[in-house]
C-alpha atoms as a PDB file:
ATOM      1  CA  MET A   1      11.075  -0.639 -10.418  1.00  0.00           C
ATOM      2  CA  ILE A   2       9.915   2.910  -9.743  1.00  0.00           C
ATOM      3  CA  ASP A   3      12.801   4.220 -11.854  1.00  0.00           C
ATOM      4  CA  THR A   4      11.718   2.166 -14.869  1.00  0.00           C
ATOM      5  CA  LEU A   5       8.117   3.295 -14.389  1.00  0.00           C
ATOM      6  CA  LEU A   6       9.189   6.948 -14.280  1.00  0.00           C
ATOM      7  CA  LEU A   7      11.369   6.535 -17.367  1.00  0.00           C
ATOM      8  CA  ASN A   8       8.477   4.888 -19.223  1.00  0.00           C
ATOM      9  CA  ILE A   9       6.174   7.799 -18.316  1.00  0.00           C
ATOM     10  CA  VAL A  10       8.844  10.313 -19.328  1.00  0.00           C
ATOM     11  CA  GLY A  11       9.300   8.558 -22.666  1.00  0.00           C
ATOM     12  CA  ARG A  12       5.589   8.634 -23.420  1.00  0.00           C
ATOM     13  CA  LEU A  13       5.229  12.254 -22.366  1.00  0.00           C
ATOM     14  CA  THR A  14       8.248  13.244 -24.468  1.00  0.00           C
ATOM     15  CA  ALA A  15       6.761  11.466 -27.491  1.00  0.00           C
ATOM     16  CA  LEU A  16       3.480  13.261 -26.908  1.00  0.00           C
ATOM     17  CA  ALA A  17       5.232  16.640 -26.599  1.00  0.00           C
ATOM     18  CA  ASN A  18       7.268  16.121 -29.801  1.00  0.00           C
ATOM     19  CA  ASP A  19       4.190  15.206 -31.893  1.00  0.00           C
ATOM     20  CA  PRO A  20       3.028  18.472 -33.482  1.00  0.00           C
ATOM     21  CA  SER A  21      -0.536  17.278 -33.877  1.00  0.00           C
ATOM     22  CA  GLY A  22      -0.899  16.435 -30.221  1.00  0.00           C
ATOM     23  CA  ILE A  23      -2.030  12.957 -31.147  1.00  0.00           C
ATOM     24  CA  ILE A  24       0.595  10.250 -31.263  1.00  0.00           C
ATOM     25  CA  GLY A  25       0.765   8.376 -34.574  1.00  0.00           C
ATOM     26  CA  THR A  26      -1.224  10.924 -36.600  1.00  0.00           C
ATOM     27  CA  PRO A  27       0.654  12.686 -39.387  1.00  0.00           C
ATOM     28  CA  GLY A  28       1.298  16.373 -38.680  1.00  0.00           C
ATOM     29  CA  GLY A  29      -0.410  19.335 -40.205  1.00  0.00           C
ATOM     30  CA  ALA A  30      -2.972  20.034 -37.516  1.00  0.00           C
ATOM     31  CA  GLN A  31      -2.459  22.749 -34.979  1.00  0.00           C
ATOM     32  CA  ALA A  32      -1.014  21.399 -31.685  1.00  0.00           C
ATOM     33  CA  PRO A  33      -3.369  21.933 -28.782  1.00  0.00           C
ATOM     34  CA  PRO A  34      -2.025  24.050 -25.916  1.00  0.00           C
ATOM     35  CA  ALA A  35      -2.116  20.986 -23.630  1.00  0.00           C
ATOM     36  CA  THR A  36       1.042  19.681 -25.289  1.00  0.00           C
ATOM     37  CA  ASP A  37       3.042  22.563 -23.843  1.00  0.00           C
ATOM     38  CA  VAL A  38       1.877  21.563 -20.374  1.00  0.00           C
ATOM     39  CA  VAL A  39       2.682  17.921 -21.087  1.00  0.00           C
ATOM     40  CA  ALA A  40       6.135  18.847 -22.411  1.00  0.00           C
ATOM     41  CA  GLY A  41       6.855  20.900 -19.288  1.00  0.00           C
ATOM     42  CA  ALA A  42       5.698  18.040 -17.057  1.00  0.00           C
ATOM     43  CA  ALA A  43       7.808  15.578 -19.030  1.00  0.00           C
ATOM     44  CA  ASN A  44      10.907  17.755 -18.656  1.00  0.00           C
ATOM     45  CA  GLU A  45      10.249  18.226 -14.926  1.00  0.00           C
ATOM     46  CA  ILE A  46       9.830  14.465 -14.344  1.00  0.00           C
ATOM     47  CA  ALA A  47      12.991  13.796 -16.356  1.00  0.00           C
ATOM     48  CA  ASN A  48      14.938  16.288 -14.243  1.00  0.00           C
ATOM     49  CA  ILE A  49      13.640  14.794 -10.990  1.00  0.00           C
ATOM     50  CA  ALA A  50      14.422  11.236 -12.118  1.00  0.00           C
ATOM     51  CA  GLN A  51      18.008  12.146 -13.045  1.00  0.00           C
ATOM     52  CA  GLN A  52      18.858  14.009  -9.825  1.00  0.00           C
ATOM     53  CA  PRO A  53      20.818  12.038  -7.215  1.00  0.00           C
ATOM     54  CA  VAL A  54      19.197  11.322  -3.872  1.00  0.00           C
ATOM     55  CA  ALA A  55      20.241  13.943  -1.315  1.00  0.00           C
ATOM     56  CA  GLU A  56      22.075  12.727   1.795  1.00  0.00           C
ATOM     57  CA  PRO A  57      21.146  14.098   5.218  1.00  0.00           C
ATOM     58  CA  ALA A  58      23.175  17.187   5.973  1.00  0.00           C
ATOM     59  CA  GLY A  59      25.436  17.666   8.977  1.00  0.00           C
ATOM     60  CA  LEU A  60      25.584  15.413  12.008  1.00  0.00           C
ATOM     61  CA  GLY A  61      21.879  14.622  11.972  1.00  0.00           C
ATOM     62  CA  GLY A  62      22.471  11.157  10.529  1.00  0.00           C
ATOM     63  CA  ILE A  63      25.777  10.232  12.131  1.00  0.00           C
ATOM     64  CA  LEU A  64      25.330  11.503  15.707  1.00  0.00           C
ATOM     65  CA  PRO A  65      22.699   8.911  16.749  1.00  0.00           C
ATOM     66  CA  MET A  66      24.871   6.187  15.236  1.00  0.00           C
ATOM     67  CA  ILE A  67      27.909   7.340  17.244  1.00  0.00           C
ATOM     68  CA  ILE A  68      25.827   7.400  20.435  1.00  0.00           C
ATOM     69  CA  TRP A  69      24.492   3.890  19.721  1.00  0.00           C
ATOM     70  CA  VAL A  70      27.981   2.478  19.057  1.00  0.00           C
ATOM     71  CA  GLY A  71      29.247   4.134  22.257  1.00  0.00           C
ATOM     72  CA  PHE A  72      26.411   2.529  24.215  1.00  0.00           C
ATOM     73  CA  LEU A  73      27.264  -0.887  22.759  1.00  0.00           C
ATOM     74  CA  VAL A  74      30.958  -0.482  23.652  1.00  0.00           C
ATOM     75  CA  VAL A  75      30.094   0.388  27.263  1.00  0.00           C
ATOM     76  CA  ALA A  76      27.660  -2.542  27.511  1.00  0.00           C
ATOM     77  CA  MET A  77      30.232  -4.971  26.104  1.00  0.00           C
ATOM     78  CA  TYR A  78      32.825  -3.674  28.594  1.00  0.00           C
ATOM     79  CA  PHE A  79      30.538  -4.450  31.514  1.00  0.00           C
ATOM     80  CA  LEU A  80      29.528  -7.838  30.121  1.00  0.00           C
ATOM     81  CA  MET A  81      32.911  -9.071  28.921  1.00  0.00           C
ATOM     82  CA  PHE A  82      35.517  -7.468  31.174  1.00  0.00           C
ATOM     83  CA  ARG A  83      34.148  -5.982  34.388  1.00  0.00           C
ATOM     84  CA  GLY A  84      32.057  -8.959  35.560  1.00  0.00           C
ATOM     85  CA  PRO A  85      34.789 -11.595  35.197  1.00  0.00           C
ATOM     86  CA  ARG A  86      37.363  -9.266  36.790  1.00  0.00           C
ATOM     87  CA  LYS A  87      35.137  -8.773  39.825  1.00  0.00           C
ATOM     88  CA  ARG A  88      34.651 -12.556  40.162  1.00  0.00           C
ATOM     89  CA  GLU A  89      38.406 -13.168  39.816  1.00  0.00           C
ATOM     90  CA  LYS A  90      39.145 -10.515  42.441  1.00  0.00           C
ATOM     91  CA  LYS A  91      36.605 -12.048  44.833  1.00  0.00           C
ATOM     92  CA  ALA A  92      38.076 -15.548  44.281  1.00  0.00           C
ATOM     93  CA  LYS A  93      41.626 -14.270  44.900  1.00  0.00           C
ATOM     94  CA  GLU A  94      40.525 -12.600  48.150  1.00  0.00           C
ATOM     95  CA  MET A  95      38.833 -15.828  49.275  1.00  0.00           C
ATOM     96  CA  GLN A  96      41.905 -17.894  48.399  1.00  0.00           C
ATOM     97  CA  ALA A  97      44.166 -15.479  50.278  1.00  0.00           C
ATOM     98  CA  SER A  98      41.969 -15.765  53.380  1.00  0.00           C
ATOM     99  CA  ILE A  99      42.233 -19.587  53.585  1.00  0.00           C
ATOM    100  CA  ARG A 100      44.357 -20.784  56.500  1.00  0.00           C
ATOM    101  CA  THR A 101      45.549 -24.137  57.797  1.00  0.00           C
ATOM    102  CA  GLY A 102      42.687 -26.114  59.325  1.00  0.00           C
ATOM    103  CA  ASP A 103      39.912 -24.632  57.147  1.00  0.00           C
ATOM    104  CA  ASN A 104      37.461 -27.034  55.503  1.00  0.00           C
ATOM    105  CA  VAL A 105      37.261 -26.419  51.751  1.00  0.00           C
ATOM    106  CA  VAL A 106      35.592 -27.765  48.649  1.00  0.00           C
ATOM    107  CA  VAL A 107      37.617 -28.202  45.450  1.00  0.00           C
ATOM    108  CA  THR A 108      36.476 -28.051  41.809  1.00  0.00           C
ATOM    109  CA  GLY A 109      35.958 -31.812  41.632  1.00  0.00           C
ATOM    110  CA  GLY A 110      33.352 -31.535  44.388  1.00  0.00           C
ATOM    111  CA  MET A 111      35.537 -33.181  47.025  1.00  0.00           C
ATOM    112  CA  PHE A 112      35.713 -31.808  50.544  1.00  0.00           C
ATOM    113  CA  GLY A 113      38.916 -31.621  52.520  1.00  0.00           C
ATOM    114  CA  ARG A 114      40.830 -29.811  55.226  1.00  0.00           C
ATOM    115  CA  ILE A 115      43.818 -27.572  54.545  1.00  0.00           C
ATOM    116  CA  ALA A 116      46.957 -29.198  55.984  1.00  0.00           C
ATOM    117  CA  ASP A 117      49.515 -26.746  54.601  1.00  0.00           C
ATOM    118  CA  VAL A 118      49.560 -23.522  52.578  1.00  0.00           C
ATOM    119  CA  GLY A 119      52.150 -23.128  49.828  1.00  0.00           C
ATOM    120  CA  GLU A 120      52.952 -20.305  47.424  1.00  0.00           C
ATOM    121  CA  ASP A 121      50.683 -21.450  44.601  1.00  0.00           C
ATOM    122  CA  CYS A 122      48.983 -24.511  46.101  1.00  0.00           C
ATOM    123  CA  PHE A 123      47.318 -25.910  49.183  1.00  0.00           C
ATOM    124  CA  VAL A 124      48.002 -29.347  50.653  1.00  0.00           C
ATOM    125  CA  VAL A 125      44.528 -30.731  51.298  1.00  0.00           C
ATOM    126  CA  GLU A 126      43.713 -33.770  53.473  1.00  0.00           C
ATOM    127  CA  PHE A 127      40.909 -35.862  52.025  1.00  0.00           C
ATOM    128  CA  GLY A 128      38.978 -38.713  53.615  1.00  0.00           C
ATOM    129  CA  THR A 129      37.424 -39.297  57.011  1.00  0.00           C
ATOM    130  CA  ASN A 130      40.661 -40.406  58.613  1.00  0.00           C
ATOM    131  CA  ARG A 131      42.584 -37.520  57.012  1.00  0.00           C
ATOM    132  CA  GLY A 132      45.345 -39.803  55.841  1.00  0.00           C
ATOM    133  CA  ILE A 133      45.359 -38.695  52.212  1.00  0.00           C
ATOM    134  CA  ARG A 134      47.233 -35.452  51.485  1.00  0.00           C
ATOM    135  CA  ILE A 135      47.112 -34.051  47.956  1.00  0.00           C
ATOM    136  CA  PRO A 136      48.524 -30.734  46.734  1.00  0.00           C
ATOM    137  CA  VAL A 137      45.814 -28.701  45.006  1.00  0.00           C
ATOM    138  CA  LEU A 138      46.238 -25.454  43.049  1.00  0.00           C
ATOM    139  CA  LYS A 139      44.811 -22.410  44.780  1.00  0.00           C
ATOM    140  CA  SER A 140      42.622 -21.712  41.745  1.00  0.00           C
ATOM    141  CA  ASP A 141      40.987 -25.151  42.141  1.00  0.00           C
ATOM    142  CA  VAL A 142      39.608 -24.356  45.594  1.00  0.00           C
ATOM    143  CA  LEU A 143      36.017 -23.128  45.229  1.00  0.00           C
ATOM    144  CA  GLY A 144      35.420 -21.973  48.758  1.00  0.00           C
ATOM    145  CA  ILE A 145      35.459 -22.541  52.466  1.00  0.00           C
ATOM    146  CA  ARG A 146      32.681 -24.991  53.307  1.00  0.00           C
ATOM    147  CA  GLU A 147      32.116 -27.938  55.600  1.00  0.00           C
ATOM    148  CA  PRO A 148      30.339 -31.007  54.278  1.00  0.00           C
ATOM    149  CA  LYS A 149      27.050 -32.106  55.801  1.00  0.00           C
ATOM    150  CA  LEU A 150      27.712 -35.712  56.665  1.00  0.00           C
ATOM    151  CA  THR A 151      24.421 -36.457  58.421  1.00  0.00           C
ATOM    152  CA  PRO A 152      21.582 -37.661  56.222  1.00  0.00           C
ATOM    153  CA  PRO A 153      18.498 -35.507  56.019  1.00  0.00           C
ATOM    154  CA  PRO A 154      15.718 -36.545  58.427  1.00  0.00           C
ATOM    155  CA  LYS A 155      13.193 -38.936  56.987  1.00  0.00           C
ATOM    156  CA  GLU A 156       9.682 -37.649  56.975  1.00  0.00           C
ATOM    157  CA  VAL A 157       7.122 -39.892  58.529  1.00  0.00           C
ATOM    158  CA  ILE A 158       4.205 -40.218  56.217  1.00  0.00           C
ATOM    159  CA  GLU A 159       1.007 -40.927  58.038  1.00  0.00           C
ATOM    160  CA  GLU A 160      -1.508 -42.796  56.057  1.00  0.00           C
ATOM    161  CA  LYS A 161      -4.993 -41.587  56.251  1.00  0.00           C
ATOM    162  CA  LYS A 162      -7.384 -44.240  57.317  1.00  0.00           C
ATOM    163  CA  SER A 163     -10.681 -44.094  55.616  1.00  0.00           C
END
């Protein structure tokens, strides 16, 4: 939009500079006023400016901040996508390696049980109050060592205010 406006101004100034009378549309013969020389110079200057390409920033001034920003994003994505899950996996592996026979555990389904036997890639877990049900469970399915709370929470006695 600005380009078309500049070209329109340049066209009008060029027409004014080429008219020997200094007045557009009037037949020649009159002496051109000295203002037309100024207008012609301005028209040529505007035409030169409009035709020049836009200069790019020189050197690393424009690219260095972008490289720093991309580097920051790569480091942030590393911590968010790779480091956090690796730390959680390492912690889970350590917990699973520390489980021994007789420990009470909770599995991913939310069921509590006691470890009856430890295998290479699974635990044999006893479920139920009489411990008669033994099911092999993958080590990755054990969430942690935890005993269930089998007693109900104490009921609060609500005293009614007599008014």
